[in-house]
N, C-alpha and C. Protein backbone atom coordinates (compact mmCIF):
# COMPACT_ATOMS: atom_id res chain seq x y z
N UNK A 1 28.92 -2.29 -17.55
CA UNK A 1 27.99 -3.24 -16.90
C UNK A 1 26.92 -2.40 -16.19
N UNK A 2 25.69 -2.68 -16.45
CA UNK A 2 24.60 -1.90 -15.81
C UNK A 2 24.21 -2.48 -14.48
N UNK A 3 23.68 -1.60 -13.64
CA UNK A 3 23.24 -2.07 -12.32
C UNK A 3 21.88 -2.76 -12.44
N UNK A 4 21.59 -3.73 -11.59
CA UNK A 4 20.24 -4.36 -11.63
C UNK A 4 19.15 -3.28 -11.26
N UNK A 5 18.00 -3.50 -11.77
CA UNK A 5 16.89 -2.53 -11.50
C UNK A 5 16.54 -2.54 -9.99
N UNK A 6 16.18 -1.40 -9.50
CA UNK A 6 15.72 -1.33 -8.11
C UNK A 6 14.38 -1.98 -7.95
N UNK A 7 13.94 -2.15 -6.76
CA UNK A 7 12.65 -2.76 -6.52
C UNK A 7 11.53 -1.85 -7.11
N UNK A 8 11.75 -0.58 -7.03
CA UNK A 8 10.73 0.34 -7.58
C UNK A 8 10.68 0.24 -9.12
N UNK A 9 11.81 0.13 -9.72
CA UNK A 9 11.82 -0.01 -11.18
C UNK A 9 11.28 -1.35 -11.61
N UNK A 10 11.53 -2.40 -10.82
CA UNK A 10 11.01 -3.73 -11.10
C UNK A 10 9.49 -3.73 -11.07
N UNK A 11 8.95 -2.98 -10.13
CA UNK A 11 7.47 -2.89 -9.98
C UNK A 11 6.87 -1.80 -10.87
N UNK A 12 7.69 -0.86 -11.37
CA UNK A 12 7.23 0.19 -12.21
C UNK A 12 6.47 1.30 -11.46
N UNK A 13 6.92 1.62 -10.25
CA UNK A 13 6.23 2.62 -9.45
C UNK A 13 7.28 3.68 -8.99
N UNK A 14 6.81 4.78 -8.50
CA UNK A 14 7.70 5.81 -7.94
C UNK A 14 8.00 5.42 -6.48
N UNK A 15 9.12 5.90 -5.97
CA UNK A 15 9.46 5.57 -4.56
C UNK A 15 8.47 6.13 -3.54
N UNK A 16 7.72 7.15 -3.87
CA UNK A 16 6.75 7.68 -2.92
C UNK A 16 5.36 7.09 -3.09
N UNK A 17 5.25 5.97 -3.84
CA UNK A 17 3.94 5.35 -4.07
C UNK A 17 3.40 4.74 -2.73
N UNK A 18 2.05 4.76 -2.62
CA UNK A 18 1.42 4.28 -1.42
C UNK A 18 1.23 2.73 -1.56
N UNK A 19 0.67 2.17 -0.50
CA UNK A 19 0.47 0.72 -0.48
C UNK A 19 -0.49 0.16 -1.53
N UNK A 20 -1.52 0.94 -1.80
CA UNK A 20 -2.49 0.47 -2.82
C UNK A 20 -1.84 0.43 -4.21
N UNK A 21 -1.10 1.46 -4.52
CA UNK A 21 -0.41 1.53 -5.83
C UNK A 21 0.60 0.38 -5.93
N UNK A 22 1.31 0.12 -4.82
CA UNK A 22 2.29 -0.96 -4.77
C UNK A 22 1.59 -2.26 -5.02
N UNK A 23 0.45 -2.49 -4.39
CA UNK A 23 -0.28 -3.77 -4.60
C UNK A 23 -0.82 -3.90 -6.04
N UNK A 24 -1.33 -2.83 -6.58
CA UNK A 24 -1.81 -2.87 -7.99
C UNK A 24 -0.68 -3.17 -8.94
N UNK A 25 0.49 -2.53 -8.71
CA UNK A 25 1.62 -2.75 -9.62
C UNK A 25 2.10 -4.18 -9.48
N UNK A 26 2.12 -4.77 -8.28
CA UNK A 26 2.55 -6.10 -8.10
C UNK A 26 1.59 -7.07 -8.82
N UNK A 27 0.29 -6.84 -8.66
CA UNK A 27 -0.67 -7.69 -9.37
C UNK A 27 -0.57 -7.65 -10.86
N UNK A 28 -0.41 -6.45 -11.44
CA UNK A 28 -0.32 -6.39 -12.89
C UNK A 28 1.01 -6.99 -13.39
N UNK A 29 2.09 -6.74 -12.70
CA UNK A 29 3.37 -7.33 -13.09
C UNK A 29 3.41 -8.82 -12.86
N UNK A 30 2.81 -9.32 -11.82
CA UNK A 30 2.84 -10.75 -11.56
C UNK A 30 1.98 -11.52 -12.61
N UNK A 31 0.94 -10.88 -13.09
CA UNK A 31 0.16 -11.51 -14.19
C UNK A 31 1.05 -11.62 -15.46
N UNK A 32 1.82 -10.59 -15.68
CA UNK A 32 2.64 -10.56 -16.90
C UNK A 32 3.86 -11.49 -16.77
N UNK A 33 4.34 -11.69 -15.56
CA UNK A 33 5.58 -12.50 -15.38
C UNK A 33 5.32 -13.89 -14.86
N UNK A 34 4.13 -14.24 -14.52
CA UNK A 34 3.87 -15.57 -13.97
C UNK A 34 4.25 -16.62 -15.01
N UNK A 35 4.93 -17.71 -14.61
CA UNK A 35 5.35 -18.73 -15.56
C UNK A 35 4.24 -19.31 -16.40
N UNK A 36 2.99 -19.29 -15.90
CA UNK A 36 1.87 -19.86 -16.64
C UNK A 36 1.38 -18.95 -17.76
N UNK A 37 1.63 -17.62 -17.63
CA UNK A 37 1.05 -16.65 -18.55
C UNK A 37 2.03 -15.90 -19.39
N UNK A 38 3.30 -16.11 -19.23
CA UNK A 38 4.28 -15.36 -19.97
C UNK A 38 4.83 -16.15 -21.14
N UNK A 39 5.42 -15.42 -22.08
CA UNK A 39 6.06 -16.10 -23.19
C UNK A 39 7.54 -16.32 -22.99
N UNK A 40 8.06 -15.91 -21.82
CA UNK A 40 9.44 -16.13 -21.47
C UNK A 40 9.71 -17.62 -21.22
N UNK A 41 10.94 -18.08 -21.39
CA UNK A 41 11.29 -19.49 -21.02
C UNK A 41 10.92 -19.73 -19.56
N UNK A 42 10.61 -20.92 -19.23
CA UNK A 42 10.14 -21.28 -17.87
C UNK A 42 11.12 -20.85 -16.79
N UNK A 43 12.42 -21.12 -16.98
CA UNK A 43 13.42 -20.83 -15.98
C UNK A 43 13.57 -19.32 -15.78
N UNK A 44 13.57 -18.56 -16.88
CA UNK A 44 13.68 -17.11 -16.75
C UNK A 44 12.41 -16.51 -16.14
N UNK A 45 11.26 -17.05 -16.53
CA UNK A 45 9.99 -16.54 -15.92
C UNK A 45 9.93 -16.81 -14.42
N UNK A 46 10.40 -18.00 -14.02
CA UNK A 46 10.40 -18.30 -12.60
C UNK A 46 11.36 -17.36 -11.83
N UNK A 47 12.51 -17.04 -12.44
CA UNK A 47 13.49 -16.18 -11.80
C UNK A 47 12.94 -14.75 -11.69
N UNK A 48 12.36 -14.24 -12.78
CA UNK A 48 11.76 -12.89 -12.77
C UNK A 48 10.61 -12.79 -11.78
N UNK A 49 9.82 -13.81 -11.74
CA UNK A 49 8.61 -13.77 -10.83
C UNK A 49 9.14 -13.83 -9.35
N UNK A 50 10.16 -14.59 -9.10
CA UNK A 50 10.71 -14.68 -7.71
C UNK A 50 11.30 -13.31 -7.33
N UNK A 51 12.00 -12.64 -8.25
CA UNK A 51 12.54 -11.30 -7.92
C UNK A 51 11.43 -10.27 -7.75
N UNK A 52 10.38 -10.37 -8.51
CA UNK A 52 9.23 -9.49 -8.36
C UNK A 52 8.56 -9.69 -6.99
N UNK A 53 8.38 -10.93 -6.59
CA UNK A 53 7.78 -11.24 -5.32
C UNK A 53 8.64 -10.73 -4.17
N UNK A 54 9.96 -10.91 -4.27
CA UNK A 54 10.86 -10.42 -3.21
C UNK A 54 10.81 -8.91 -3.10
N UNK A 55 10.76 -8.21 -4.24
CA UNK A 55 10.67 -6.79 -4.24
C UNK A 55 9.36 -6.32 -3.59
N UNK A 56 8.28 -6.98 -3.88
CA UNK A 56 6.99 -6.61 -3.27
C UNK A 56 6.99 -6.88 -1.79
N UNK A 57 7.53 -8.00 -1.37
CA UNK A 57 7.55 -8.33 0.05
C UNK A 57 8.40 -7.33 0.85
N UNK A 58 9.48 -6.88 0.24
CA UNK A 58 10.34 -5.90 0.95
C UNK A 58 9.67 -4.53 1.02
N UNK A 59 9.03 -4.12 -0.06
CA UNK A 59 8.46 -2.79 -0.09
C UNK A 59 7.13 -2.67 0.68
N UNK A 60 6.42 -3.78 0.84
CA UNK A 60 5.17 -3.67 1.58
C UNK A 60 5.32 -3.53 3.06
N UNK A 61 6.43 -3.96 3.66
CA UNK A 61 6.72 -3.78 5.07
C UNK A 61 7.36 -2.39 5.30
N UNK A 62 6.71 -1.52 6.09
CA UNK A 62 7.23 -0.14 6.24
C UNK A 62 8.69 -0.10 6.76
N UNK A 63 9.01 -0.96 7.70
CA UNK A 63 10.39 -0.97 8.28
C UNK A 63 11.41 -1.40 7.24
N UNK A 64 11.14 -2.48 6.54
CA UNK A 64 12.05 -2.98 5.56
C UNK A 64 12.14 -1.97 4.40
N UNK A 65 11.02 -1.33 4.09
CA UNK A 65 11.06 -0.31 2.98
C UNK A 65 11.95 0.89 3.38
N UNK A 66 11.84 1.35 4.58
CA UNK A 66 12.67 2.48 5.01
C UNK A 66 14.14 2.11 4.96
N UNK A 67 14.49 0.92 5.40
CA UNK A 67 15.89 0.46 5.33
C UNK A 67 16.36 0.34 3.89
N UNK A 68 15.49 -0.17 3.02
CA UNK A 68 15.86 -0.27 1.58
C UNK A 68 16.02 1.09 0.99
N UNK A 69 15.17 2.04 1.31
CA UNK A 69 15.24 3.37 0.77
C UNK A 69 16.59 4.04 1.17
N UNK A 70 16.96 3.82 2.41
CA UNK A 70 18.25 4.42 2.89
C UNK A 70 19.43 3.78 2.17
N UNK A 71 19.39 2.48 1.94
CA UNK A 71 20.45 1.79 1.19
C UNK A 71 20.49 2.29 -0.27
N UNK A 72 19.30 2.40 -0.85
CA UNK A 72 19.21 2.88 -2.23
C UNK A 72 19.70 4.31 -2.38
N UNK A 73 19.38 5.18 -1.41
CA UNK A 73 19.86 6.57 -1.48
C UNK A 73 21.38 6.58 -1.34
N UNK A 74 21.95 5.78 -0.48
CA UNK A 74 23.38 5.76 -0.34
C UNK A 74 24.07 5.24 -1.62
N UNK A 75 23.51 4.25 -2.30
CA UNK A 75 24.07 3.73 -3.51
C UNK A 75 24.01 4.79 -4.61
N UNK A 76 22.89 5.56 -4.65
CA UNK A 76 22.77 6.57 -5.66
C UNK A 76 23.76 7.71 -5.45
N UNK A 77 24.02 8.05 -4.21
CA UNK A 77 24.99 9.13 -3.91
C UNK A 77 26.39 8.66 -4.30
N UNK A 78 26.72 7.38 -4.17
CA UNK A 78 28.05 6.92 -4.50
C UNK A 78 28.21 6.77 -6.01
N UNK A 79 27.16 6.47 -6.77
CA UNK A 79 27.30 6.20 -8.17
C UNK A 79 27.09 7.41 -9.08
N UNK A 80 26.27 8.34 -8.70
CA UNK A 80 25.95 9.45 -9.63
C UNK A 80 26.63 10.72 -9.14
N UNK A 81 27.08 11.52 -10.10
CA UNK A 81 27.62 12.86 -9.75
C UNK A 81 26.44 13.77 -9.40
N UNK A 82 26.75 14.89 -8.83
CA UNK A 82 25.76 15.84 -8.28
C UNK A 82 24.89 16.41 -9.40
N UNK A 83 25.42 16.54 -10.64
CA UNK A 83 24.65 17.12 -11.74
C UNK A 83 23.49 16.17 -12.14
N UNK A 84 23.75 14.91 -12.05
CA UNK A 84 22.74 13.94 -12.43
C UNK A 84 21.65 13.82 -11.38
N UNK A 85 21.99 14.11 -10.15
CA UNK A 85 21.04 14.04 -9.06
C UNK A 85 19.93 15.10 -9.20
N UNK A 86 20.25 16.23 -9.79
CA UNK A 86 19.26 17.31 -9.93
C UNK A 86 18.20 16.95 -10.97
N UNK A 87 18.52 16.08 -11.93
CA UNK A 87 17.57 15.76 -12.98
C UNK A 87 16.75 14.52 -12.55
N UNK A 88 15.39 14.61 -12.63
CA UNK A 88 14.61 13.45 -12.29
C UNK A 88 14.76 12.33 -13.34
N UNK A 89 14.77 11.12 -12.89
CA UNK A 89 14.88 10.00 -13.81
C UNK A 89 13.47 9.59 -14.29
N UNK A 90 13.31 9.36 -15.59
CA UNK A 90 12.01 8.96 -16.08
C UNK A 90 11.73 7.55 -15.64
N UNK A 91 10.47 7.26 -15.31
CA UNK A 91 10.06 5.99 -14.90
C UNK A 91 9.57 5.12 -16.08
N UNK A 92 9.42 5.69 -17.26
CA UNK A 92 8.98 4.94 -18.40
C UNK A 92 10.02 3.89 -18.70
N UNK A 93 9.66 2.67 -18.62
CA UNK A 93 10.61 1.59 -18.83
C UNK A 93 10.63 1.18 -20.29
N UNK A 94 11.77 0.63 -20.73
CA UNK A 94 11.88 0.25 -22.09
C UNK A 94 11.50 -1.21 -22.28
N UNK A 95 11.03 -1.84 -21.23
CA UNK A 95 10.65 -3.28 -21.39
C UNK A 95 9.25 -3.43 -21.95
N UNK A 96 8.54 -2.35 -22.25
CA UNK A 96 7.24 -2.45 -22.87
C UNK A 96 6.08 -2.75 -21.94
N UNK A 97 6.31 -2.63 -20.63
CA UNK A 97 5.24 -2.94 -19.68
C UNK A 97 4.30 -1.75 -19.51
N UNK A 98 4.76 -0.53 -19.69
CA UNK A 98 3.92 0.59 -19.55
C UNK A 98 3.65 0.94 -18.07
N UNK A 99 2.57 1.63 -17.80
CA UNK A 99 2.24 2.06 -16.47
C UNK A 99 1.24 1.14 -15.77
N UNK A 100 1.09 1.32 -14.50
CA UNK A 100 0.14 0.54 -13.71
C UNK A 100 -1.28 0.92 -14.14
N UNK A 101 -2.16 -0.07 -14.29
CA UNK A 101 -3.52 0.18 -14.65
C UNK A 101 -3.75 0.20 -16.16
N UNK A 102 -2.70 0.00 -16.97
CA UNK A 102 -2.85 0.03 -18.40
C UNK A 102 -3.45 -1.33 -18.84
N UNK A 103 -4.36 -1.26 -19.80
CA UNK A 103 -5.00 -2.45 -20.29
C UNK A 103 -4.05 -3.29 -21.13
N UNK A 104 -4.21 -4.58 -21.07
CA UNK A 104 -3.44 -5.49 -21.87
C UNK A 104 -4.41 -6.49 -22.49
N UNK A 105 -4.02 -7.14 -23.63
CA UNK A 105 -4.89 -8.09 -24.19
C UNK A 105 -4.98 -9.35 -23.33
N UNK A 106 -6.11 -10.05 -23.43
CA UNK A 106 -6.25 -11.29 -22.68
C UNK A 106 -5.38 -12.36 -23.22
N UNK A 107 -4.84 -13.19 -22.35
CA UNK A 107 -4.00 -14.29 -22.75
C UNK A 107 -4.84 -15.46 -23.19
N UNK A 108 -4.18 -16.44 -23.77
CA UNK A 108 -4.90 -17.62 -24.26
C UNK A 108 -5.62 -18.37 -23.17
N UNK A 109 -5.02 -18.43 -22.00
CA UNK A 109 -5.61 -19.11 -20.88
C UNK A 109 -6.85 -18.36 -20.39
N UNK A 110 -6.78 -17.04 -20.41
CA UNK A 110 -7.96 -16.29 -19.95
C UNK A 110 -9.13 -16.42 -20.96
N UNK A 111 -8.81 -16.45 -22.27
CA UNK A 111 -9.87 -16.70 -23.26
C UNK A 111 -10.48 -18.08 -23.10
N UNK A 112 -9.65 -19.06 -22.79
CA UNK A 112 -10.10 -20.46 -22.58
C UNK A 112 -11.03 -20.51 -21.38
N UNK A 113 -10.67 -19.82 -20.31
CA UNK A 113 -11.53 -19.81 -19.10
C UNK A 113 -12.86 -19.17 -19.39
N UNK A 114 -12.88 -18.06 -20.17
CA UNK A 114 -14.12 -17.42 -20.53
C UNK A 114 -15.00 -18.34 -21.38
N UNK A 115 -14.36 -19.04 -22.29
CA UNK A 115 -15.11 -20.00 -23.11
C UNK A 115 -15.73 -21.09 -22.30
N UNK A 116 -14.95 -21.61 -21.37
CA UNK A 116 -15.48 -22.66 -20.47
C UNK A 116 -16.65 -22.14 -19.63
N UNK A 117 -16.56 -20.93 -19.13
CA UNK A 117 -17.67 -20.36 -18.36
C UNK A 117 -18.88 -20.17 -19.19
N UNK A 118 -18.75 -19.76 -20.44
CA UNK A 118 -19.89 -19.60 -21.35
C UNK A 118 -20.50 -20.94 -21.68
N UNK A 119 -19.70 -21.97 -21.89
CA UNK A 119 -20.24 -23.29 -22.15
C UNK A 119 -20.97 -23.86 -20.93
N UNK A 120 -20.43 -23.61 -19.75
CA UNK A 120 -21.11 -24.05 -18.54
C UNK A 120 -22.46 -23.36 -18.36
N UNK A 121 -22.55 -22.09 -18.64
CA UNK A 121 -23.81 -21.38 -18.54
C UNK A 121 -24.82 -21.91 -19.54
N UNK A 122 -24.41 -22.14 -20.78
CA UNK A 122 -25.31 -22.71 -21.77
C UNK A 122 -25.79 -24.10 -21.37
N UNK A 123 -24.84 -24.92 -20.87
CA UNK A 123 -25.21 -26.25 -20.42
C UNK A 123 -26.22 -26.22 -19.27
N UNK A 124 -26.02 -25.33 -18.33
CA UNK A 124 -26.97 -25.22 -17.21
C UNK A 124 -28.34 -24.78 -17.66
N UNK A 125 -28.40 -23.84 -18.58
CA UNK A 125 -29.69 -23.42 -19.12
C UNK A 125 -30.35 -24.56 -19.84
N UNK A 126 -29.65 -25.28 -20.69
CA UNK A 126 -30.26 -26.40 -21.40
C UNK A 126 -30.68 -27.50 -20.45
N UNK A 127 -29.90 -27.73 -19.44
CA UNK A 127 -30.24 -28.79 -18.46
C UNK A 127 -31.54 -28.40 -17.73
N UNK A 128 -31.66 -27.15 -17.30
CA UNK A 128 -32.86 -26.73 -16.58
C UNK A 128 -34.08 -26.76 -17.46
N UNK A 129 -33.98 -26.19 -18.65
CA UNK A 129 -35.12 -26.16 -19.57
C UNK A 129 -35.47 -27.61 -20.05
N UNK A 130 -34.45 -28.38 -20.35
CA UNK A 130 -34.67 -29.74 -20.76
C UNK A 130 -35.32 -30.60 -19.63
N UNK A 131 -34.89 -30.41 -18.41
CA UNK A 131 -35.46 -31.14 -17.31
C UNK A 131 -36.91 -30.75 -17.07
N UNK A 132 -37.25 -29.47 -17.19
CA UNK A 132 -38.63 -29.06 -17.04
C UNK A 132 -39.50 -29.56 -18.15
N UNK A 133 -38.96 -29.57 -19.38
CA UNK A 133 -39.73 -30.06 -20.54
C UNK A 133 -39.96 -31.55 -20.40
N UNK A 134 -38.95 -32.28 -19.96
CA UNK A 134 -39.08 -33.79 -19.79
C UNK A 134 -40.10 -34.15 -18.72
N UNK A 135 -40.21 -33.30 -17.68
CA UNK A 135 -41.23 -33.53 -16.62
C UNK A 135 -42.61 -33.06 -17.01
N UNK A 136 -42.68 -32.41 -18.12
CA UNK A 136 -44.02 -31.90 -18.60
C UNK A 136 -44.44 -30.61 -17.95
N UNK A 137 -43.55 -29.84 -17.42
CA UNK A 137 -43.86 -28.58 -16.79
C UNK A 137 -43.97 -27.48 -17.87
N UNK A 138 -44.81 -26.51 -17.59
CA UNK A 138 -44.92 -25.38 -18.49
C UNK A 138 -43.70 -24.48 -18.32
N UNK A 139 -43.18 -23.93 -19.44
CA UNK A 139 -41.98 -23.09 -19.36
C UNK A 139 -42.38 -21.64 -18.97
N UNK A 140 -43.66 -21.26 -19.29
CA UNK A 140 -44.06 -19.95 -18.89
C UNK A 140 -45.32 -20.11 -18.03
N UNK A 141 -45.36 -19.66 -16.82
CA UNK A 141 -46.41 -19.92 -15.90
C UNK A 141 -46.96 -18.55 -15.46
N UNK A 142 -48.32 -18.45 -15.42
CA UNK A 142 -48.90 -17.20 -14.93
C UNK A 142 -48.74 -17.13 -13.44
N UNK A 143 -48.36 -15.99 -12.89
CA UNK A 143 -48.18 -15.85 -11.47
C UNK A 143 -49.51 -16.10 -10.72
N UNK A 144 -49.38 -16.73 -9.55
CA UNK A 144 -50.58 -17.04 -8.73
C UNK A 144 -51.31 -15.82 -8.26
N UNK A 145 -50.62 -14.71 -8.13
CA UNK A 145 -51.25 -13.49 -7.62
C UNK A 145 -52.03 -12.74 -8.72
N UNK A 146 -51.86 -13.19 -9.96
CA UNK A 146 -52.53 -12.52 -11.06
C UNK A 146 -53.56 -13.49 -11.66
N UNK A 147 -54.72 -13.44 -11.09
CA UNK A 147 -55.82 -14.32 -11.57
C UNK A 147 -56.97 -13.43 -12.07
N UNK A 148 -57.87 -14.05 -12.75
CA UNK A 148 -58.94 -13.27 -13.35
C UNK A 148 -59.87 -12.56 -12.31
N UNK A 149 -60.10 -13.19 -11.17
CA UNK A 149 -60.90 -12.61 -10.14
C UNK A 149 -60.31 -11.26 -9.60
N UNK A 150 -58.99 -11.21 -9.52
CA UNK A 150 -58.34 -10.02 -8.97
C UNK A 150 -58.24 -8.91 -9.99
N UNK A 151 -58.30 -9.28 -11.26
CA UNK A 151 -58.14 -8.25 -12.27
C UNK A 151 -59.46 -7.71 -12.75
N UNK A 152 -60.58 -8.14 -12.14
CA UNK A 152 -61.90 -7.61 -12.57
C UNK A 152 -62.09 -6.17 -12.06
N UNK A 153 -63.09 -5.55 -12.57
CA UNK A 153 -63.31 -4.15 -12.19
C UNK A 153 -63.93 -3.98 -10.82
N UNK A 154 -64.37 -5.05 -10.15
CA UNK A 154 -65.00 -4.93 -8.84
C UNK A 154 -63.93 -4.75 -7.77
N UNK A 155 -64.18 -3.88 -6.81
CA UNK A 155 -63.20 -3.74 -5.73
C UNK A 155 -63.17 -4.93 -4.82
N UNK A 156 -62.04 -5.24 -4.30
CA UNK A 156 -61.91 -6.32 -3.40
C UNK A 156 -62.37 -5.89 -1.98
N UNK A 157 -63.03 -6.79 -1.30
CA UNK A 157 -63.44 -6.52 0.11
C UNK A 157 -62.45 -7.23 0.98
N UNK A 158 -61.75 -6.47 1.79
CA UNK A 158 -60.77 -7.03 2.72
C UNK A 158 -61.37 -7.13 4.10
N UNK A 159 -61.11 -8.25 4.73
CA UNK A 159 -61.56 -8.49 6.10
C UNK A 159 -60.33 -8.35 6.97
N UNK A 160 -60.44 -7.52 8.00
CA UNK A 160 -59.33 -7.39 8.92
C UNK A 160 -59.19 -8.57 9.77
N UNK A 161 -57.97 -8.95 10.08
CA UNK A 161 -57.73 -10.16 10.90
C UNK A 161 -58.10 -9.94 12.32
N UNK A 162 -58.16 -8.71 12.82
CA UNK A 162 -58.52 -8.48 14.21
C UNK A 162 -60.01 -8.23 14.42
N UNK A 163 -60.81 -8.35 13.33
CA UNK A 163 -62.21 -8.13 13.40
C UNK A 163 -62.88 -9.36 14.01
N UNK A 164 -63.63 -9.29 15.10
CA UNK A 164 -64.22 -10.50 15.72
C UNK A 164 -65.29 -11.16 14.87
N UNK A 165 -65.79 -10.44 13.91
CA UNK A 165 -66.85 -11.11 13.04
C UNK A 165 -66.22 -11.78 11.84
N UNK A 166 -64.89 -11.72 11.78
CA UNK A 166 -64.28 -12.36 10.61
C UNK A 166 -64.41 -13.88 10.66
N UNK A 167 -64.65 -14.44 9.52
CA UNK A 167 -64.80 -15.90 9.46
C UNK A 167 -63.44 -16.54 9.60
N UNK A 168 -63.39 -17.63 10.31
CA UNK A 168 -62.14 -18.31 10.50
C UNK A 168 -62.17 -19.12 11.81
N UNK A 169 -61.14 -19.84 12.05
CA UNK A 169 -61.12 -20.65 13.27
C UNK A 169 -61.15 -19.80 14.52
N UNK A 170 -61.82 -20.31 15.57
CA UNK A 170 -61.85 -19.62 16.83
C UNK A 170 -60.54 -19.94 17.56
N UNK A 171 -59.80 -18.93 17.84
CA UNK A 171 -58.48 -19.15 18.43
C UNK A 171 -58.57 -19.41 19.93
N UNK A 172 -59.76 -19.21 20.53
CA UNK A 172 -59.88 -19.46 22.00
C UNK A 172 -60.04 -20.95 22.31
N UNK A 173 -60.44 -21.71 21.29
CA UNK A 173 -60.61 -23.16 21.49
C UNK A 173 -59.26 -23.86 21.26
N UNK A 174 -59.02 -24.89 22.01
CA UNK A 174 -57.78 -25.66 21.89
C UNK A 174 -57.86 -26.55 20.63
N UNK A 175 -56.80 -26.63 19.88
CA UNK A 175 -56.83 -27.47 18.71
C UNK A 175 -56.73 -28.96 19.07
N UNK A 176 -56.43 -29.23 20.34
CA UNK A 176 -56.25 -30.63 20.77
C UNK A 176 -57.57 -31.15 21.32
N UNK A 177 -57.89 -32.42 21.03
CA UNK A 177 -59.07 -33.02 21.57
C UNK A 177 -58.81 -33.51 22.99
N UNK A 178 -59.75 -33.30 23.86
CA UNK A 178 -59.56 -33.77 25.25
C UNK A 178 -59.53 -35.33 25.35
N UNK A 179 -58.74 -35.80 26.19
CA UNK A 179 -58.61 -37.21 26.47
C UNK A 179 -59.71 -37.66 27.38
N UNK A 180 -60.43 -38.67 27.03
CA UNK A 180 -61.51 -39.19 27.94
C UNK A 180 -61.35 -40.61 28.26
């Protein structure tokens, strides 16, 4: 009878992994084991996902992780002879999950979500262009700053706003009419 996998084996990480690696491993494994995205039976997927979540919750807390590591080390000392302790155990799992960060094909639900996003984008474009066409608006408009007067070869004469001879409203007069 084999022993159940440790939390580290369940997540596919080394015991000395940092918090970021732990989080990435949990995210990739939870996507693969979530009952909505896996090909496992619903009951088995729910059980595996629950075990994965419990492993992540225990390993993300430093105090609980230290206690778990001590328990795991004690179990390893009791189960393995000294010759086996000298050899490192390979982390490559036989369940086909591979390593953290490895690409996987998109699931059917992910393809469906991408298709819906593409259809929504096309619908919005058609709605905007169709609405503009129905209102009689031009689809291509020349910018207001690019007019024939500005593109001529004659230099533009700029009038400074602080020049007293500049044409414009006299700011010393009140814009309100006096009451009589």
